[in-house]
């Protein structure tokens, strides 16, 4: 789902952050880093020397419901599939992982940020259909 209200950015790099459910991504994570993304912030220690320690961040967020820290990582790339079935590869993006829900708004696994496509000069409302792992 594209959310034009999602303006979340990682503090140090300024890269946009998309939000994804832990249940959707769980099998993508090595077992030793799962505690970090499942909400056990102390799990960051277990990420050391795994290769993930340089990709992980805690992103500060602020919503109507409150403030907090969101575990996030920077993937090598994020591939989006457009309505015409072409693919758009996005880099310089973080994926923030929420763990308190199976789906976002009971329907979606990921909330996209319009800023992720600005570099690719794509009309967000017209093109983006879904995400592939």
C-alpha atoms as a PDB file:
ATOM      1  CA  UNK A   1       0.000   0.000   0.000  1.00  0.00           C
ATOM      2  CA  UNK A   2       1.307   3.452  -0.864  1.00  0.00           C
ATOM      3  CA  UNK A   3       0.823   5.928   1.971  1.00  0.00           C
ATOM      4  CA  UNK A   4       1.466   9.526   0.975  1.00  0.00           C
ATOM      5  CA  UNK A   5       1.517  10.353   4.692  1.00  0.00           C
ATOM      6  CA  UNK A   6       4.514   8.104   5.311  1.00  0.00           C
ATOM      7  CA  UNK A   7       7.372  10.592   5.497  1.00  0.00           C
ATOM      8  CA  UNK A   8       9.512   8.513   7.849  1.00  0.00           C
ATOM      9  CA  UNK A   9      13.254   8.774   7.192  1.00  0.00           C
ATOM     10  CA  UNK A  10      16.291   7.170   8.755  1.00  0.00           C
ATOM     11  CA  UNK A  11      17.992   9.882  10.839  1.00  0.00           C
ATOM     12  CA  UNK A  12      21.630   9.473   9.798  1.00  0.00           C
ATOM     13  CA  UNK A  13      21.271   8.922   6.044  1.00  0.00           C
ATOM     14  CA  UNK A  14      17.959  10.636   5.370  1.00  0.00           C
ATOM     15  CA  UNK A  15      16.859   7.587   3.368  1.00  0.00           C
ATOM     16  CA  UNK A  16      13.095   6.913   3.308  1.00  0.00           C
ATOM     17  CA  UNK A  17      11.665   4.089   5.414  1.00  0.00           C
ATOM     18  CA  UNK A  18       8.961   1.696   4.254  1.00  0.00           C
ATOM     19  CA  UNK A  19       7.078  -0.238   6.937  1.00  0.00           C
ATOM     20  CA  UNK A  20       6.668  -4.004   6.772  1.00  0.00           C
ATOM     21  CA  UNK A  21       5.281  -6.666   9.095  1.00  0.00           C
ATOM     22  CA  UNK A  22       7.661  -9.057  10.824  1.00  0.00           C
ATOM     23  CA  UNK A  23       5.422 -11.989   9.896  1.00  0.00           C
ATOM     24  CA  UNK A  24       5.924 -11.196   6.195  1.00  0.00           C
ATOM     25  CA  UNK A  25       9.729 -10.916   6.450  1.00  0.00           C
ATOM     26  CA  UNK A  26      10.528 -13.455   9.169  1.00  0.00           C
ATOM     27  CA  UNK A  27      11.795 -16.175   6.836  1.00  0.00           C
ATOM     28  CA  UNK A  28      14.133 -13.678   5.135  1.00  0.00           C
ATOM     29  CA  UNK A  29      16.073 -13.127   8.353  1.00  0.00           C
ATOM     30  CA  UNK A  30      18.797 -15.443   9.636  1.00  0.00           C
ATOM     31  CA  UNK A  31      17.815 -16.933  13.008  1.00  0.00           C
ATOM     32  CA  UNK A  32      20.467 -14.968  14.889  1.00  0.00           C
ATOM     33  CA  UNK A  33      18.970 -11.591  13.884  1.00  0.00           C
ATOM     34  CA  UNK A  34      15.297 -12.476  14.360  1.00  0.00           C
ATOM     35  CA  UNK A  35      15.221 -11.306  18.002  1.00  0.00           C
ATOM     36  CA  UNK A  36      16.199  -7.781  16.898  1.00  0.00           C
ATOM     37  CA  UNK A  37      13.380  -7.584  14.347  1.00  0.00           C
ATOM     38  CA  UNK A  38      10.798  -9.368  16.489  1.00  0.00           C
ATOM     39  CA  UNK A  39      10.918  -6.548  19.006  1.00  0.00           C
ATOM     40  CA  UNK A  40      13.631  -7.676  21.370  1.00  0.00           C
ATOM     41  CA  UNK A  41      15.801  -4.579  21.083  1.00  0.00           C
ATOM     42  CA  UNK A  42      18.516  -6.338  23.101  1.00  0.00           C
ATOM     43  CA  UNK A  43      18.682  -8.719  20.156  1.00  0.00           C
ATOM     44  CA  UNK A  44      20.917  -6.137  18.475  1.00  0.00           C
ATOM     45  CA  UNK A  45      23.841  -7.663  20.368  1.00  0.00           C
ATOM     46  CA  UNK A  46      23.193 -10.981  18.649  1.00  0.00           C
ATOM     47  CA  UNK A  47      23.488  -9.247  15.258  1.00  0.00           C
ATOM     48  CA  UNK A  48      27.146  -8.428  15.838  1.00  0.00           C
ATOM     49  CA  UNK A  49      29.551 -10.135  13.427  1.00  0.00           C
ATOM     50  CA  UNK A  50      26.704 -11.487  11.282  1.00  0.00           C
ATOM     51  CA  UNK A  51      26.983  -8.992   8.425  1.00  0.00           C
ATOM     52  CA  UNK A  52      23.611  -7.602   9.487  1.00  0.00           C
ATOM     53  CA  UNK A  53      25.086  -5.386  12.183  1.00  0.00           C
ATOM     54  CA  UNK A  54      26.085  -2.794   9.563  1.00  0.00           C
ATOM     55  CA  UNK A  55      22.625  -2.819   7.905  1.00  0.00           C
ATOM     56  CA  UNK A  56      20.497  -2.528  11.045  1.00  0.00           C
ATOM     57  CA  UNK A  57      19.228   0.681  12.600  1.00  0.00           C
ATOM     58  CA  UNK A  58      16.742   1.767  15.191  1.00  0.00           C
ATOM     59  CA  UNK A  59      14.604   4.438  13.542  1.00  0.00           C
ATOM     60  CA  UNK A  60      12.888   7.029  15.707  1.00  0.00           C
ATOM     61  CA  UNK A  61       9.217   7.415  14.796  1.00  0.00           C
ATOM     62  CA  UNK A  62       6.410   9.666  15.935  1.00  0.00           C
ATOM     63  CA  UNK A  63       2.729   8.876  15.304  1.00  0.00           C
ATOM     64  CA  UNK A  64      -0.592   9.956  16.683  1.00  0.00           C
ATOM     65  CA  UNK A  65      -0.381   7.007  19.085  1.00  0.00           C
ATOM     66  CA  UNK A  66       3.074   7.928  20.362  1.00  0.00           C
ATOM     67  CA  UNK A  67       6.818   7.793  19.815  1.00  0.00           C
ATOM     68  CA  UNK A  68       9.204   4.896  19.676  1.00  0.00           C
ATOM     69  CA  UNK A  69      12.073   3.034  18.057  1.00  0.00           C
ATOM     70  CA  UNK A  70      11.494   0.882  15.010  1.00  0.00           C
ATOM     71  CA  UNK A  71      13.990  -1.840  14.116  1.00  0.00           C
ATOM     72  CA  UNK A  72      14.973  -1.391  10.480  1.00  0.00           C
ATOM     73  CA  UNK A  73      17.472  -2.624   7.912  1.00  0.00           C
ATOM     74  CA  UNK A  74      18.784  -1.446   4.577  1.00  0.00           C
ATOM     75  CA  UNK A  75      18.282  -4.125   1.913  1.00  0.00           C
ATOM     76  CA  UNK A  76      20.647  -4.437  -1.032  1.00  0.00           C
ATOM     77  CA  UNK A  77      17.623  -3.582  -3.168  1.00  0.00           C
ATOM     78  CA  UNK A  78      13.839  -3.494  -3.070  1.00  0.00           C
ATOM     79  CA  UNK A  79      12.045  -4.638  -6.214  1.00  0.00           C
ATOM     80  CA  UNK A  80       8.586  -3.227  -6.938  1.00  0.00           C
ATOM     81  CA  UNK A  81       6.273  -4.607  -9.585  1.00  0.00           C
ATOM     82  CA  UNK A  82       4.246  -2.025 -11.501  1.00  0.00           C
ATOM     83  CA  UNK A  83       0.761  -2.341 -12.969  1.00  0.00           C
ATOM     84  CA  UNK A  84       2.241  -3.151 -16.373  1.00  0.00           C
ATOM     85  CA  UNK A  85       4.305  -5.954 -14.742  1.00  0.00           C
ATOM     86  CA  UNK A  86       7.619  -4.155 -15.194  1.00  0.00           C
ATOM     87  CA  UNK A  87      10.001  -4.032 -12.252  1.00  0.00           C
ATOM     88  CA  UNK A  88      11.472  -1.022 -10.508  1.00  0.00           C
ATOM     89  CA  UNK A  89      14.561  -1.513  -8.379  1.00  0.00           C
ATOM     90  CA  UNK A  90      14.899   0.832  -5.431  1.00  0.00           C
ATOM     91  CA  UNK A  91      18.091   1.289  -3.424  1.00  0.00           C
ATOM     92  CA  UNK A  92      18.964   3.626  -0.568  1.00  0.00           C
ATOM     93  CA  UNK A  93      15.867   2.714   1.399  1.00  0.00           C
ATOM     94  CA  UNK A  94      15.293   1.221   4.846  1.00  0.00           C
ATOM     95  CA  UNK A  95      12.631  -1.310   5.745  1.00  0.00           C
ATOM     96  CA  UNK A  96      11.172  -0.724   9.200  1.00  0.00           C
ATOM     97  CA  UNK A  97       9.776  -3.872  10.794  1.00  0.00           C
ATOM     98  CA  UNK A  98       6.663  -3.843  12.957  1.00  0.00           C
ATOM     99  CA  UNK A  99       5.941  -6.940  14.990  1.00  0.00           C
ATOM    100  CA  UNK A 100       2.644  -6.266  16.731  1.00  0.00           C
ATOM    101  CA  UNK A 101       0.390  -7.168  13.837  1.00  0.00           C
ATOM    102  CA  UNK A 102      -0.058  -9.853  11.215  1.00  0.00           C
ATOM    103  CA  UNK A 103      -1.214  -7.311   8.617  1.00  0.00           C
ATOM    104  CA  UNK A 104      -1.261  -3.520   8.292  1.00  0.00           C
ATOM    105  CA  UNK A 105      -4.827  -2.223   8.256  1.00  0.00           C
ATOM    106  CA  UNK A 106      -5.862  -5.915   8.275  1.00  0.00           C
ATOM    107  CA  UNK A 107      -4.944  -6.174   4.572  1.00  0.00           C
ATOM    108  CA  UNK A 108      -1.364  -5.177   3.720  1.00  0.00           C
ATOM    109  CA  UNK A 109       2.113  -6.460   4.538  1.00  0.00           C
ATOM    110  CA  UNK A 110       3.951  -3.249   3.635  1.00  0.00           C
ATOM    111  CA  UNK A 111       3.405   0.503   3.574  1.00  0.00           C
ATOM    112  CA  UNK A 112       5.423   2.276   0.919  1.00  0.00           C
ATOM    113  CA  UNK A 113       6.705   5.804   1.115  1.00  0.00           C
ATOM    114  CA  UNK A 114       6.329   7.993  -1.983  1.00  0.00           C
ATOM    115  CA  UNK A 115       9.908   9.214  -1.467  1.00  0.00           C
ATOM    116  CA  UNK A 116      11.331   5.823  -2.463  1.00  0.00           C
ATOM    117  CA  UNK A 117      10.325   6.372  -6.069  1.00  0.00           C
ATOM    118  CA  UNK A 118      11.315  10.014  -6.469  1.00  0.00           C
ATOM    119  CA  UNK A 119      14.735   9.047  -7.796  1.00  0.00           C
ATOM    120  CA  UNK A 120      13.158   6.733 -10.351  1.00  0.00           C
ATOM    121  CA  UNK A 121      10.788   9.391 -11.759  1.00  0.00           C
ATOM    122  CA  UNK A 122       7.761   7.135 -11.550  1.00  0.00           C
ATOM    123  CA  UNK A 123       4.193   8.260 -11.071  1.00  0.00           C
ATOM    124  CA  UNK A 124       3.515   6.527  -7.770  1.00  0.00           C
ATOM    125  CA  UNK A 125      -0.275   6.610  -7.958  1.00  0.00           C
ATOM    126  CA  UNK A 126      -0.355   5.147 -11.452  1.00  0.00           C
ATOM    127  CA  UNK A 127       2.378   2.539 -11.350  1.00  0.00           C
ATOM    128  CA  UNK A 128       2.885   0.742  -8.070  1.00  0.00           C
ATOM    129  CA  UNK A 129       0.806  -2.359  -7.593  1.00  0.00           C
ATOM    130  CA  UNK A 130       2.603  -4.677  -5.236  1.00  0.00           C
ATOM    131  CA  UNK A 131       5.894  -5.787  -3.785  1.00  0.00           C
ATOM    132  CA  UNK A 132       7.778  -8.976  -4.444  1.00  0.00           C
ATOM    133  CA  UNK A 133      10.282 -10.456  -2.014  1.00  0.00           C
END
